[in-house]
Amino acid sequence: MPHPLHEVISALAAEVMPTHCTLVKDPACVGTQRIPLFCSDKRSSATKYCDVDLLVLHNNRIRLIVEIEESNVKPTQIAGKFLTSALASHFIHDKHGVTAIPKDVRLAFFQFVDTTRLKAKSVKRNQWRNIERSIQSLLPLGGIVEYRLFWGDTAEFLGPARQHVVEAISQACQ
């Protein structure tokens, strides 16, 4: 199943990724692995909270978490992805060694929401703006000190919104 928005955001992140950071991509983002987050440094089904779409590692710490929503753009989905990531504390995967990788002390969380399926008079953009503000009012939470919610379609992220996204990702990776 194609995931065009995942692929575009992943490509933008890869384009601006500094050499001192590692970009980890899930299969929807043309990566090779799932990206599980856990609530402890012990890997088990009981401690796994979620899988994310993109992860940026810096100095063996999680610096940026990215979630991309192409179909379910309801508040519960958006806020739920944020909260499970905030509650999690470690990334654990065999491809990245045997040691659990913790969150950095200052972590960013970005979400991208696809507008392709919205009706012309949809109020979703206003709803998303309110969700973004509400989540930002909770910060810091679980190490997350910056939260951004971006919306658009692939053409917007490759065109007018591109520079805004590239700058945000670059800044989060410093």
Protein backbone atom coordinates (compact mmCIF):
# COMPACT_ATOMS: atom_id res chain seq x y z
CA MET A 1 0.00 0.00 0.00
CA PRO A 2 1.55 3.34 -0.99
CA HIS A 3 2.02 6.04 1.62
CA PRO A 4 2.79 9.19 -0.38
CA LEU A 5 2.80 11.65 2.54
CA HIS A 6 5.04 9.34 4.59
CA GLU A 7 7.46 9.15 1.67
CA VAL A 8 7.54 12.93 1.15
CA ILE A 9 8.10 13.77 4.83
CA SER A 10 10.74 11.04 5.11
CA ALA A 11 12.56 12.41 2.07
CA LEU A 12 12.49 15.96 3.47
CA ALA A 13 13.90 14.73 6.78
CA ALA A 14 16.65 12.75 5.04
CA GLU A 15 17.54 15.77 2.91
CA VAL A 16 18.29 17.99 5.91
CA MET A 17 19.58 15.36 8.35
CA PRO A 18 22.88 16.50 9.85
CA THR A 19 25.76 14.02 9.78
CA HIS A 20 25.80 13.86 13.60
CA CYS A 21 22.23 12.46 13.61
CA THR A 22 20.73 9.16 12.51
CA LEU A 23 17.34 9.02 10.80
CA VAL A 24 15.39 5.81 11.46
CA LYS A 25 12.47 5.16 9.06
CA ASP A 26 9.63 2.67 9.24
CA PRO A 27 8.49 0.76 6.11
CA ALA A 28 5.78 3.34 5.23
CA CYS A 29 8.60 5.91 5.10
CA VAL A 30 10.67 3.67 2.83
CA GLY A 31 12.64 2.34 5.76
CA THR A 32 13.55 -1.19 6.74
CA GLN A 33 12.25 -1.59 10.28
CA ARG A 34 9.45 -0.86 12.67
CA ILE A 35 10.26 1.76 15.31
CA PRO A 36 8.98 0.59 18.69
CA LEU A 37 8.96 2.78 21.78
CA PHE A 38 8.85 1.25 25.26
CA CYS A 39 8.03 2.53 28.75
CA SER A 40 11.26 1.10 30.16
CA ASP A 41 14.66 -0.13 29.07
CA LYS A 42 13.30 -3.70 29.00
CA ARG A 43 11.82 -4.94 25.72
CA SER A 44 8.57 -6.89 26.10
CA SER A 45 5.02 -6.85 24.83
CA ALA A 46 3.96 -5.41 28.19
CA THR A 47 6.38 -2.46 27.94
CA LYS A 48 5.84 -1.63 24.25
CA TYR A 49 3.61 1.42 23.86
CA CYS A 50 3.72 2.31 20.17
CA ASP A 51 5.52 2.27 16.85
CA VAL A 52 6.40 5.65 15.32
CA ASP A 53 7.04 6.63 11.71
CA LEU A 54 10.38 8.44 11.98
CA LEU A 55 12.93 8.81 14.73
CA VAL A 56 16.04 10.97 14.90
CA LEU A 57 18.86 9.83 17.14
CA HIS A 58 21.67 12.06 18.36
CA ASN A 59 24.46 10.89 20.69
CA ASN A 60 22.56 7.65 21.23
CA ARG A 61 19.46 9.50 22.43
CA ILE A 62 16.05 10.16 20.86
CA ARG A 63 16.01 13.78 19.65
CA LEU A 64 12.91 13.89 17.39
CA ILE A 65 9.81 11.71 17.00
CA VAL A 66 7.67 12.07 13.87
CA GLU A 67 4.17 10.71 13.28
CA ILE A 68 2.37 10.98 9.94
CA GLU A 69 -1.39 10.53 9.65
CA GLU A 70 -2.75 9.87 6.17
CA SER A 71 -6.15 8.40 6.99
CA ASN A 72 -7.33 8.74 10.60
CA VAL A 73 -7.12 12.46 11.39
CA LYS A 74 -9.46 12.55 14.37
CA PRO A 75 -8.43 14.21 17.65
CA THR A 76 -8.19 10.91 19.53
CA GLN A 77 -5.76 9.53 16.96
CA ILE A 78 -3.63 12.66 16.94
CA ALA A 79 -3.57 13.14 20.72
CA GLY A 80 -3.21 9.40 21.36
CA LYS A 81 -0.08 9.14 19.21
CA PHE A 82 1.40 12.08 21.08
CA LEU A 83 0.54 10.72 24.52
CA THR A 84 1.84 7.17 23.97
CA SER A 85 5.09 8.64 22.68
CA ALA A 86 5.30 11.00 25.67
CA LEU A 87 4.72 8.10 28.06
CA ALA A 88 7.38 5.95 26.41
CA SER A 89 11.00 6.34 27.48
CA HIS A 90 13.15 4.15 25.20
CA PHE A 91 13.66 2.92 21.65
CA ILE A 92 14.82 -0.68 21.44
CA HIS A 93 15.71 -2.47 18.23
CA ASP A 94 18.28 -5.11 17.33
CA LYS A 95 19.57 -3.01 14.41
CA HIS A 96 20.68 -0.36 16.89
CA GLY A 97 22.55 -2.50 19.38
CA VAL A 98 21.55 -4.35 22.49
CA THR A 99 21.24 -1.24 24.65
CA ALA A 100 17.93 0.59 24.98
CA ILE A 101 18.16 4.14 23.61
CA PRO A 102 16.56 6.71 25.95
CA LYS A 103 14.95 10.03 25.10
CA ASP A 104 17.13 13.10 25.06
CA VAL A 105 16.51 15.61 27.85
CA ARG A 106 15.05 17.95 25.21
CA LEU A 107 12.95 16.18 22.61
CA ALA A 108 10.69 17.39 19.80
CA PHE A 109 7.55 15.67 18.52
CA PHE A 110 6.17 16.56 15.09
CA GLN A 111 2.94 15.31 13.55
CA PHE A 112 1.94 15.61 9.93
CA VAL A 113 -1.70 15.28 8.91
CA ASP A 114 -2.89 14.70 5.36
CA THR A 115 -5.56 17.07 4.07
CA THR A 116 -6.21 15.17 0.82
CA ARG A 117 -9.52 13.68 1.97
CA LEU A 118 -10.94 16.82 3.58
CA LYS A 119 -14.10 18.36 2.22
CA ALA A 120 -13.90 21.94 0.96
CA LYS A 121 -15.63 23.47 4.01
CA SER A 122 -14.04 21.21 6.61
CA VAL A 123 -13.25 22.76 10.00
CA LYS A 124 -10.50 20.18 10.65
CA ARG A 125 -7.72 22.75 10.16
CA ASN A 126 -9.20 24.87 12.97
CA GLN A 127 -9.61 21.77 15.10
CA TRP A 128 -5.98 20.79 14.48
CA ARG A 129 -4.80 24.29 15.39
CA ASN A 130 -6.67 23.94 18.70
CA ILE A 131 -5.20 20.47 19.30
CA GLU A 132 -1.70 21.81 18.64
CA ARG A 133 -2.21 24.64 21.15
CA SER A 134 -3.74 22.29 23.74
CA ILE A 135 -0.84 19.84 23.51
CA GLN A 136 1.71 22.68 23.63
CA SER A 137 0.08 23.90 26.86
CA LEU A 138 0.96 20.55 28.48
CA LEU A 139 4.67 20.75 27.72
CA PRO A 140 7.12 19.72 28.89
CA LEU A 141 5.76 16.20 29.10
CA GLY A 142 7.75 12.99 28.99
CA GLY A 143 10.84 14.87 27.82
CA ILE A 144 8.96 16.49 24.95
CA VAL A 145 9.59 20.23 25.01
CA GLU A 146 8.43 21.08 21.48
CA TYR A 147 5.28 19.93 19.69
CA ARG A 148 4.29 20.90 16.14
CA LEU A 149 1.29 19.82 14.09
CA PHE A 150 1.64 20.34 10.34
CA TRP A 151 -1.16 19.76 7.84
CA GLY A 152 -1.26 19.65 4.07
CA ASP A 153 -0.98 17.28 1.14
CA THR A 154 2.11 16.07 -0.69
CA ALA A 155 2.02 19.01 -3.13
CA GLU A 156 1.96 21.53 -0.26
CA PHE A 157 4.85 19.85 1.57
CA LEU A 158 6.86 19.76 -1.65
CA GLY A 159 5.89 23.37 -2.45
CA PRO A 160 4.82 26.23 -0.18
CA ALA A 161 5.18 24.41 3.18
CA ARG A 162 8.49 22.74 2.31
CA GLN A 163 10.81 25.39 3.74
CA HIS A 164 8.79 25.63 6.96
CA VAL A 165 9.06 21.85 7.50
CA VAL A 166 12.74 21.68 6.56
CA GLU A 167 13.59 24.49 9.00
CA ALA A 168 11.63 22.85 11.84
CA ILE A 169 13.32 19.47 11.32
CA SER A 170 16.77 21.07 11.02
CA GLN A 171 16.26 23.08 14.20
CA ALA A 172 15.03 20.02 16.14
CA CYS A 173 18.17 18.11 15.14
CA GLN A 174 20.65 20.69 16.46
